[in-house]
Amino acid sequence: MARAAELEAQILAEEQIAAESRKSRDRRAKTPAEDTAIYSSTTLAQRAAQEYGYVQRDLRRIAIVGGGLLIVLVIIDILLNVAHVF
């Protein structure tokens, strides 16, 4: 009985934590984002420059990952077809 009461108390505590987390998440969703305040006071050119920075960084990451994958494929091709390792 004591173990059941302990488990029930633990379950209730976890449910309370989840409910509080949901409430705080809902409150954050209702408040306006900080980014909108920045965008409202900046010009279109400044916003575009910020966005191009993100795009440039993302394209660089894509190129690095894609280049790495190509290098791996070339190495596998050399091992399989040229060196007859496998």
PDB file of N, CA and C in Angstrom:
ATOM      1  N   MET A   1       0.823  -1.198   0.000  1.00  0.00           N
ATOM      2  CA  MET A   1       0.000   0.000   0.000  1.00  0.00           C
ATOM      3  C   MET A   1       0.869   1.265   0.000  1.00  0.00           C
ATOM      4  N   ALA A   2       1.935   1.189   0.771  1.00  0.00           N
ATOM      5  CA  ALA A   2       2.812   2.360   0.838  1.00  0.00           C
ATOM      6  C   ALA A   2       3.463   2.613  -0.522  1.00  0.00           C
ATOM      7  N   ARG A   3       3.853   1.525  -1.178  1.00  0.00           N
ATOM      8  CA  ARG A   3       4.474   1.659  -2.502  1.00  0.00           C
ATOM      9  C   ARG A   3       3.486   2.239  -3.517  1.00  0.00           C
ATOM     10  N   ALA A   4       2.232   1.811  -3.457  1.00  0.00           N
ATOM     11  CA  ALA A   4       1.206   2.331  -4.358  1.00  0.00           C
ATOM     12  C   ALA A   4       0.975   3.816  -4.106  1.00  0.00           C
ATOM     13  N   ALA A   5       0.946   4.214  -2.862  1.00  0.00           N
ATOM     14  CA  ALA A   5       0.761   5.623  -2.529  1.00  0.00           C
ATOM     15  C   ALA A   5       1.951   6.447  -3.025  1.00  0.00           C
ATOM     16  N   GLU A   6       3.146   5.875  -2.895  1.00  0.00           N
ATOM     17  CA  GLU A   6       4.344   6.568  -3.355  1.00  0.00           C
ATOM     18  C   GLU A   6       4.324   6.738  -4.878  1.00  0.00           C
ATOM     19  N   LEU A   7       3.930   5.683  -5.598  1.00  0.00           N
ATOM     20  CA  LEU A   7       3.831   5.766  -7.052  1.00  0.00           C
ATOM     21  C   LEU A   7       2.769   6.765  -7.488  1.00  0.00           C
ATOM     22  N   GLU A   8       1.648   6.785  -6.789  1.00  0.00           N
ATOM     23  CA  GLU A   8       0.586   7.726  -7.121  1.00  0.00           C
ATOM     24  C   GLU A   8       1.049   9.159  -6.906  1.00  0.00           C
ATOM     25  N   ALA A   9       1.775   9.401  -5.817  1.00  0.00           N
ATOM     26  CA  ALA A   9       2.284  10.747  -5.551  1.00  0.00           C
ATOM     27  C   ALA A   9       3.285  11.160  -6.628  1.00  0.00           C
ATOM     28  N   GLN A  10       4.111  10.207  -7.069  1.00  0.00           N
ATOM     29  CA  GLN A  10       5.083  10.505  -8.118  1.00  0.00           C
ATOM     30  C   GLN A  10       4.385  10.824  -9.433  1.00  0.00           C
ATOM     31  N   ILE A  11       3.355  10.075  -9.774  1.00  0.00           N
ATOM     32  CA  ILE A  11       2.606  10.311 -11.008  1.00  0.00           C
ATOM     33  C   ILE A  11       1.928  11.674 -10.959  1.00  0.00           C
ATOM     34  N   LEU A  12       1.344  12.022  -9.825  1.00  0.00           N
ATOM     35  CA  LEU A  12       0.688  13.323  -9.684  1.00  0.00           C
ATOM     36  C   LEU A  12       1.699  14.459  -9.816  1.00  0.00           C
ATOM     37  N   ALA A  13       2.893  14.269  -9.243  1.00  0.00           N
ATOM     38  CA  ALA A  13       3.923  15.306  -9.349  1.00  0.00           C
ATOM     39  C   ALA A  13       4.351  15.486 -10.804  1.00  0.00           C
ATOM     40  N   GLU A  14       4.518  14.385 -11.543  1.00  0.00           N
ATOM     41  CA  GLU A  14       4.898  14.474 -12.954  1.00  0.00           C
ATOM     42  C   GLU A  14       3.813  15.142 -13.780  1.00  0.00           C
ATOM     43  N   GLU A  15       2.552  14.835 -13.476  1.00  0.00           N
ATOM     44  CA  GLU A  15       1.445  15.475 -14.192  1.00  0.00           C
ATOM     45  C   GLU A  15       1.407  16.969 -13.917  1.00  0.00           C
ATOM     46  N   GLN A  16       1.699  17.360 -12.683  1.00  0.00           N
ATOM     47  CA  GLN A  16       1.698  18.781 -12.329  1.00  0.00           C
ATOM     48  C   GLN A  16       2.825  19.502 -13.069  1.00  0.00           C
ATOM     49  N   ILE A  17       3.985  18.883 -13.142  1.00  0.00           N
ATOM     50  CA  ILE A  17       5.107  19.495 -13.860  1.00  0.00           C
ATOM     51  C   ILE A  17       4.767  19.648 -15.341  1.00  0.00           C
ATOM     52  N   ALA A  18       4.138  18.622 -15.927  1.00  0.00           N
ATOM     53  CA  ALA A  18       3.753  18.690 -17.335  1.00  0.00           C
ATOM     54  C   ALA A  18       2.723  19.788 -17.564  1.00  0.00           C
ATOM     55  N   ALA A  19       1.775  19.937 -16.649  1.00  0.00           N
ATOM     56  CA  ALA A  19       0.758  20.979 -16.786  1.00  0.00           C
ATOM     57  C   ALA A  19       1.388  22.367 -16.706  1.00  0.00           C
ATOM     58  N   GLU A  20       2.337  22.545 -15.779  1.00  0.00           N
ATOM     59  CA  GLU A  20       3.009  23.839 -15.662  1.00  0.00           C
ATOM     60  C   GLU A  20       3.829  24.137 -16.914  1.00  0.00           C
ATOM     61  N   SER A  21       4.455  23.122 -17.457  1.00  0.00           N
ATOM     62  CA  SER A  21       5.230  23.300 -18.684  1.00  0.00           C
ATOM     63  C   SER A  21       4.328  23.710 -19.841  1.00  0.00           C
ATOM     64  N   ARG A  22       3.161  23.061 -19.935  1.00  0.00           N
ATOM     65  CA  ARG A  22       2.201  23.417 -20.981  1.00  0.00           C
ATOM     66  C   ARG A  22       1.734  24.853 -20.831  1.00  0.00           C
ATOM     67  N   LYS A  23       1.458  25.275 -19.593  1.00  0.00           N
ATOM     68  CA  LYS A  23       0.998  26.645 -19.354  1.00  0.00           C
ATOM     69  C   LYS A  23       2.069  27.664 -19.753  1.00  0.00           C
ATOM     70  N   SER A  24       3.315  27.404 -19.382  1.00  0.00           N
ATOM     71  CA  SER A  24       4.375  28.354 -19.717  1.00  0.00           C
ATOM     72  C   SER A  24       4.602  28.403 -21.220  1.00  0.00           C
ATOM     73  N   ARG A  25       4.485  27.239 -21.893  1.00  0.00           N
ATOM     74  CA  ARG A  25       4.639  27.205 -23.346  1.00  0.00           C
ATOM     75  C   ARG A  25       3.513  27.992 -24.013  1.00  0.00           C
ATOM     76  N   ASP A  26       2.293  27.863 -23.490  1.00  0.00           N
ATOM     77  CA  ASP A  26       1.166  28.608 -24.046  1.00  0.00           C
ATOM     78  C   ASP A  26       1.349  30.103 -23.839  1.00  0.00           C
ATOM     79  N   ARG A  27       1.874  30.489 -22.683  1.00  0.00           N
ATOM     80  CA  ARG A  27       2.104  31.908 -22.418  1.00  0.00           C
ATOM     81  C   ARG A  27       3.146  32.475 -23.378  1.00  0.00           C
ATOM     82  N   ARG A  28       4.199  31.701 -23.638  1.00  0.00           N
ATOM     83  CA  ARG A  28       5.228  32.171 -24.568  1.00  0.00           C
ATOM     84  C   ARG A  28       4.682  32.284 -25.980  1.00  0.00           C
ATOM     85  N   ALA A  29       3.790  31.393 -26.345  1.00  0.00           N
ATOM     86  CA  ALA A  29       3.209  31.432 -27.686  1.00  0.00           C
ATOM     87  C   ALA A  29       2.307  32.649 -27.863  1.00  0.00           C
ATOM     88  N   LYS A  30       1.669  33.091 -26.785  1.00  0.00           N
ATOM     89  CA  LYS A  30       0.760  34.233 -26.871  1.00  0.00           C
ATOM     90  C   LYS A  30       1.503  35.559 -26.909  1.00  0.00           C
ATOM     91  N   THR A  31       2.709  35.621 -26.314  1.00  0.00           N
ATOM     92  CA  THR A  31       3.452  36.876 -26.312  1.00  0.00           C
ATOM     93  C   THR A  31       4.094  37.084 -27.672  1.00  0.00           C
ATOM     94  N   PRO A  32       4.160  38.326 -28.134  1.00  0.00           N
ATOM     95  CA  PRO A  32       4.773  38.576 -29.446  1.00  0.00           C
ATOM     96  C   PRO A  32       6.260  38.240 -29.405  1.00  0.00           C
ATOM     97  N   ALA A  33       6.756  37.729 -30.476  1.00  0.00           N
ATOM     98  CA  ALA A  33       8.163  37.352 -30.564  1.00  0.00           C
ATOM     99  C   ALA A  33       9.035  38.594 -30.565  1.00  0.00           C
ATOM    100  N   GLU A  34      10.232  38.443 -30.038  1.00  0.00           N
ATOM    101  CA  GLU A  34      11.150  39.577 -30.006  1.00  0.00           C
ATOM    102  C   GLU A  34      11.601  39.969 -31.401  1.00  0.00           C
ATOM    103  N   ASP A  35      11.675  38.999 -32.304  1.00  0.00           N
ATOM    104  CA  ASP A  35      12.120  39.285 -33.659  1.00  0.00           C
ATOM    105  C   ASP A  35      11.178  40.242 -34.380  1.00  0.00           C
ATOM    106  N   THR A  36       9.892  40.158 -34.090  1.00  0.00           N
ATOM    107  CA  THR A  36       8.953  41.047 -34.773  1.00  0.00           C
ATOM    108  C   THR A  36       9.198  42.494 -34.375  1.00  0.00           C
ATOM    109  N   ALA A  37       9.604  42.730 -33.138  1.00  0.00           N
ATOM    110  CA  ALA A  37       9.896  44.095 -32.712  1.00  0.00           C
ATOM    111  C   ALA A  37      11.116  44.622 -33.452  1.00  0.00           C
ATOM    112  N   ILE A  38      12.109  43.769 -33.659  1.00  0.00           N
ATOM    113  CA  ILE A  38      13.305  44.191 -34.383  1.00  0.00           C
ATOM    114  C   ILE A  38      12.949  44.495 -35.834  1.00  0.00           C
ATOM    115  N   TYR A  39      12.162  43.622 -36.449  1.00  0.00           N
ATOM    116  CA  TYR A  39      11.807  43.812 -37.840  1.00  0.00           C
ATOM    117  C   TYR A  39      10.947  45.055 -38.062  1.00  0.00           C
ATOM    118  N   SER A  40      10.117  45.402 -37.102  1.00  0.00           N
ATOM    119  CA  SER A  40       9.231  46.543 -37.314  1.00  0.00           C
ATOM    120  C   SER A  40       9.992  47.860 -37.340  1.00  0.00           C
ATOM    121  N   SER A  41      11.163  47.910 -36.686  1.00  0.00           N
ATOM    122  CA  SER A  41      11.889  49.170 -36.624  1.00  0.00           C
ATOM    123  C   SER A  41      13.055  49.230 -37.608  1.00  0.00           C
ATOM    124  N   THR A  42      13.246  48.182 -38.405  1.00  0.00           N
ATOM    125  CA  THR A  42      14.348  48.190 -39.366  1.00  0.00           C
ATOM    126  C   THR A  42      13.816  48.324 -40.783  1.00  0.00           C
ATOM    127  N   THR A  43      14.695  48.743 -41.656  1.00  0.00           N
ATOM    128  CA  THR A  43      14.296  48.885 -43.052  1.00  0.00           C
ATOM    129  C   THR A  43      14.322  47.531 -43.748  1.00  0.00           C
ATOM    130  N   LEU A  44      13.717  47.491 -44.902  1.00  0.00           N
ATOM    131  CA  LEU A  44      13.667  46.260 -45.675  1.00  0.00           C
ATOM    132  C   LEU A  44      15.067  45.790 -46.059  1.00  0.00           C
ATOM    133  N   ALA A  45      15.940  46.707 -46.390  1.00  0.00           N
ATOM    134  CA  ALA A  45      17.311  46.347 -46.778  1.00  0.00           C
ATOM    135  C   ALA A  45      18.065  45.709 -45.615  1.00  0.00           C
ATOM    136  N   GLN A  46      17.849  46.229 -44.414  1.00  0.00           N
ATOM    137  CA  GLN A  46      18.521  45.652 -43.251  1.00  0.00           C
ATOM    138  C   GLN A  46      18.002  44.247 -42.963  1.00  0.00           C
ATOM    139  N   ARG A  47      16.696  44.070 -43.086  1.00  0.00           N
ATOM    140  CA  ARG A  47      16.123  42.737 -42.877  1.00  0.00           C
ATOM    141  C   ARG A  47      16.636  41.755 -43.919  1.00  0.00           C
ATOM    142  N   ALA A  48      16.732  42.216 -45.168  1.00  0.00           N
ATOM    143  CA  ALA A  48      17.228  41.352 -46.239  1.00  0.00           C
ATOM    144  C   ALA A  48      18.678  40.971 -45.983  1.00  0.00           C
ATOM    145  N   ALA A  49      19.476  41.918 -45.511  1.00  0.00           N
ATOM    146  CA  ALA A  49      20.878  41.626 -45.223  1.00  0.00           C
ATOM    147  C   ALA A  49      20.995  40.567 -44.132  1.00  0.00           C
ATOM    148  N   GLN A  50      20.141  40.654 -43.112  1.00  0.00           N
ATOM    149  CA  GLN A  50      20.144  39.644 -42.052  1.00  0.00           C
ATOM    150  C   GLN A  50      19.755  38.281 -42.614  1.00  0.00           C
ATOM    151  N   GLU A  51      18.742  38.242 -43.434  1.00  0.00           N
ATOM    152  CA  GLU A  51      18.281  36.978 -44.004  1.00  0.00           C
ATOM    153  C   GLU A  51      19.334  36.388 -44.931  1.00  0.00           C
ATOM    154  N   TYR A  52      20.009  37.222 -45.732  1.00  0.00           N
ATOM    155  CA  TYR A  52      21.042  36.713 -46.618  1.00  0.00           C
ATOM    156  C   TYR A  52      22.190  36.108 -45.826  1.00  0.00           C
ATOM    157  N   GLY A  53      22.453  36.639 -44.643  1.00  0.00           N
ATOM    158  CA  GLY A  53      23.477  36.047 -43.782  1.00  0.00           C
ATOM    159  C   GLY A  53      23.114  34.634 -43.398  1.00  0.00           C
ATOM    160  N   TYR A  54      21.847  34.433 -43.039  1.00  0.00           N
ATOM    161  CA  TYR A  54      21.394  33.081 -42.690  1.00  0.00           C
ATOM    162  C   TYR A  54      21.481  32.156 -43.899  1.00  0.00           C
ATOM    163  N   VAL A  55      21.063  32.640 -45.042  1.00  0.00           N
ATOM    164  CA  VAL A  55      21.073  31.828 -46.250  1.00  0.00           C
ATOM    165  C   VAL A  55      22.509  31.453 -46.621  1.00  0.00           C
ATOM    166  N   GLN A  56      23.406  32.410 -46.532  1.00  0.00           N
ATOM    167  CA  GLN A  56      24.801  32.154 -46.867  1.00  0.00           C
ATOM    168  C   GLN A  56      25.391  31.091 -45.938  1.00  0.00           C
ATOM    169  N   ARG A  57      25.107  31.191 -44.651  1.00  0.00           N
ATOM    170  CA  ARG A  57      25.609  30.210 -43.689  1.00  0.00           C
ATOM    171  C   ARG A  57      25.031  28.822 -43.972  1.00  0.00           C
ATOM    172  N   ASP A  58      23.739  28.763 -44.281  1.00  0.00           N
ATOM    173  CA  ASP A  58      23.104  27.483 -44.576  1.00  0.00           C
ATOM    174  C   ASP A  58      23.670  26.864 -45.848  1.00  0.00           C
ATOM    175  N   LEU A  59      23.879  27.668 -46.880  1.00  0.00           N
ATOM    176  CA  LEU A  59      24.440  27.146 -48.128  1.00  0.00           C
ATOM    177  C   LEU A  59      25.861  26.632 -47.922  1.00  0.00           C
ATOM    178  N   ARG A  60      26.619  27.321 -47.095  1.00  0.00           N
ATOM    179  CA  ARG A  60      27.977  26.870 -46.802  1.00  0.00           C
ATOM    180  C   ARG A  60      27.941  25.510 -46.105  1.00  0.00           C
ATOM    181  N   ARG A  61      27.031  25.347 -45.153  1.00  0.00           N
ATOM    182  CA  ARG A  61      26.902  24.062 -44.458  1.00  0.00           C
ATOM    183  C   ARG A  61      26.469  22.952 -45.422  1.00  0.00           C
ATOM    184  N   ILE A  62      25.540  23.268 -46.307  1.00  0.00           N
ATOM    185  CA  ILE A  62      25.089  22.274 -47.290  1.00  0.00           C
ATOM    186  C   ILE A  62      26.246  21.867 -48.193  1.00  0.00           C
ATOM    187  N   ALA A  63      27.042  22.830 -48.625  1.00  0.00           N
ATOM    188  CA  ALA A  63      28.183  22.534 -49.490  1.00  0.00           C
ATOM    189  C   ALA A  63      29.208  21.671 -48.764  1.00  0.00           C
ATOM    190  N   ILE A  64      29.463  21.944 -47.505  1.00  0.00           N
ATOM    191  CA  ILE A  64      30.424  21.157 -46.738  1.00  0.00           C
ATOM    192  C   ILE A  64      29.944  19.721 -46.585  1.00  0.00           C
ATOM    193  N   VAL A  65      28.678  19.551 -46.219  1.00  0.00           N
ATOM    194  CA  VAL A  65      28.134  18.201 -46.051  1.00  0.00           C
ATOM    195  C   VAL A  65      28.106  17.471 -47.386  1.00  0.00           C
ATOM    196  N   GLY A  66      27.654  18.137 -48.433  1.00  0.00           N
ATOM    197  CA  GLY A  66      27.607  17.516 -49.751  1.00  0.00           C
ATOM    198  C   GLY A  66      28.992  17.147 -50.253  1.00  0.00           C
ATOM    199  N   GLY A  67      29.961  18.031 -50.063  1.00  0.00           N
ATOM    200  CA  GLY A  67      31.333  17.731 -50.463  1.00  0.00           C
ATOM    201  C   GLY A  67      31.907  16.559 -49.682  1.00  0.00           C
ATOM    202  N   GLY A  68      31.613  16.524 -48.406  1.00  0.00           N
ATOM    203  CA  GLY A  68      32.068  15.400 -47.583  1.00  0.00           C
ATOM    204  C   GLY A  68      31.481  14.087 -48.047  1.00  0.00           C
ATOM    205  N   LEU A  69      30.208  14.100 -48.393  1.00  0.00           N
ATOM    206  CA  LEU A  69      29.568  12.880 -48.885  1.00  0.00           C
ATOM    207  C   LEU A  69      30.161  12.440 -50.225  1.00  0.00           C
ATOM    208  N   LEU A  70      30.443  13.400 -51.092  1.00  0.00           N
ATOM    209  CA  LEU A  70      31.075  13.058 -52.370  1.00  0.00           C
ATOM    210  C   LEU A  70      32.452  12.440 -52.165  1.00  0.00           C
ATOM    211  N   ILE A  71      33.208  12.991 -51.241  1.00  0.00           N
ATOM    212  CA  ILE A  71      34.538  12.443 -50.948  1.00  0.00           C
ATOM    213  C   ILE A  71      34.416  11.011 -50.436  1.00  0.00           C
ATOM    214  N   VAL A  72      33.460  10.760 -49.557  1.00  0.00           N
ATOM    215  CA  VAL A  72      33.250   9.409 -49.041  1.00  0.00           C
ATOM    216  C   VAL A  72      32.877   8.463 -50.174  1.00  0.00           C
ATOM    217  N   LEU A  73      31.999   8.901 -51.075  1.00  0.00           N
ATOM    218  CA  LEU A  73      31.616   8.054 -52.206  1.00  0.00           C
ATOM    219  C   LEU A  73      32.800   7.750 -53.121  1.00  0.00           C
ATOM    220  N   VAL A  74      33.653   8.725 -53.358  1.00  0.00           N
ATOM    221  CA  VAL A  74      34.831   8.501 -54.196  1.00  0.00           C
ATOM    222  C   VAL A  74      35.767   7.501 -53.532  1.00  0.00           C
ATOM    223  N   ILE A  75      35.959   7.629 -52.242  1.00  0.00           N
ATOM    224  CA  ILE A  75      36.823   6.691 -51.519  1.00  0.00           C
ATOM    225  C   ILE A  75      36.253   5.283 -51.586  1.00  0.00           C
ATOM    226  N   ILE A  76      34.954   5.144 -51.390  1.00  0.00           N
ATOM    227  CA  ILE A  76      34.319   3.831 -51.484  1.00  0.00           C
ATOM    228  C   ILE A  76      34.466   3.269 -52.895  1.00  0.00           C
ATOM    229  N   ASP A  77      34.287   4.106 -53.908  1.00  0.00           N
ATOM    230  CA  ASP A  77      34.439   3.657 -55.293  1.00  0.00           C
ATOM    231  C   ASP A  77      35.859   3.170 -55.552  1.00  0.00           C
ATOM    232  N   ILE A  78      36.841   3.897 -55.078  1.00  0.00           N
ATOM    233  CA  ILE A  78      38.233   3.496 -55.272  1.00  0.00           C
ATOM    234  C   ILE A  78      38.494   2.173 -54.563  1.00  0.00           C
ATOM    235  N   LEU A  79      37.995   2.021 -53.341  1.00  0.00           N
ATOM    236  CA  LEU A  79      38.210   0.782 -52.603  1.00  0.00           C
ATOM    237  C   LEU A  79      37.550  -0.408 -53.285  1.00  0.00           C
ATOM    238  N   LEU A  80      36.364  -0.202 -53.807  1.00  0.00           N
ATOM    239  CA  LEU A  80      35.639  -1.324 -54.404  1.00  0.00           C
ATOM    240  C   LEU A  80      36.085  -1.633 -55.824  1.00  0.00           C
ATOM    241  N   ASN A  81      36.221  -0.635 -56.668  1.00  0.00           N
ATOM    242  CA  ASN A  81      36.449  -0.876 -58.080  1.00  0.00           C
ATOM    243  C   ASN A  81      37.910  -0.875 -58.502  1.00  0.00           C
ATOM    244  N   VAL A  82      38.719  -0.093 -57.831  1.00  0.00           N
ATOM    245  CA  VAL A  82      40.117   0.021 -58.239  1.00  0.00           C
ATOM    246  C   VAL A  82      40.997  -0.914 -57.401  1.00  0.00           C
ATOM    247  N   ALA A  83      40.863  -0.836 -56.113  1.00  0.00           N
ATOM    248  CA  ALA A  83      41.735  -1.614 -55.230  1.00  0.00           C
ATOM    249  C   ALA A  83      41.212  -3.026 -54.986  1.00  0.00           C
ATOM    250  N   HIS A  84      39.969  -3.300 -55.302  1.00  0.00           N
ATOM    251  CA  HIS A  84      39.339  -4.605 -55.082  1.00  0.00           C
ATOM    252  C   HIS A  84      39.513  -5.082 -53.640  1.00  0.00           C
ATOM    253  N   VAL A  85      39.260  -4.166 -52.721  1.00  0.00           N
ATOM    254  CA  VAL A  85      39.401  -4.476 -51.296  1.00  0.00           C
ATOM    255  C   VAL A  85      38.329  -5.448 -50.862  1.00  0.00           C
ATOM    256  N   PHE A  86      37.147  -5.287 -51.361  1.00  0.00           N
ATOM    257  CA  PHE A  86      36.038  -6.163 -50.929  1.00  0.00           C
ATOM    258  C   PHE A  86      35.668  -7.127 -52.017  1.00  0.00           C
TER     259      PHE A  86
END
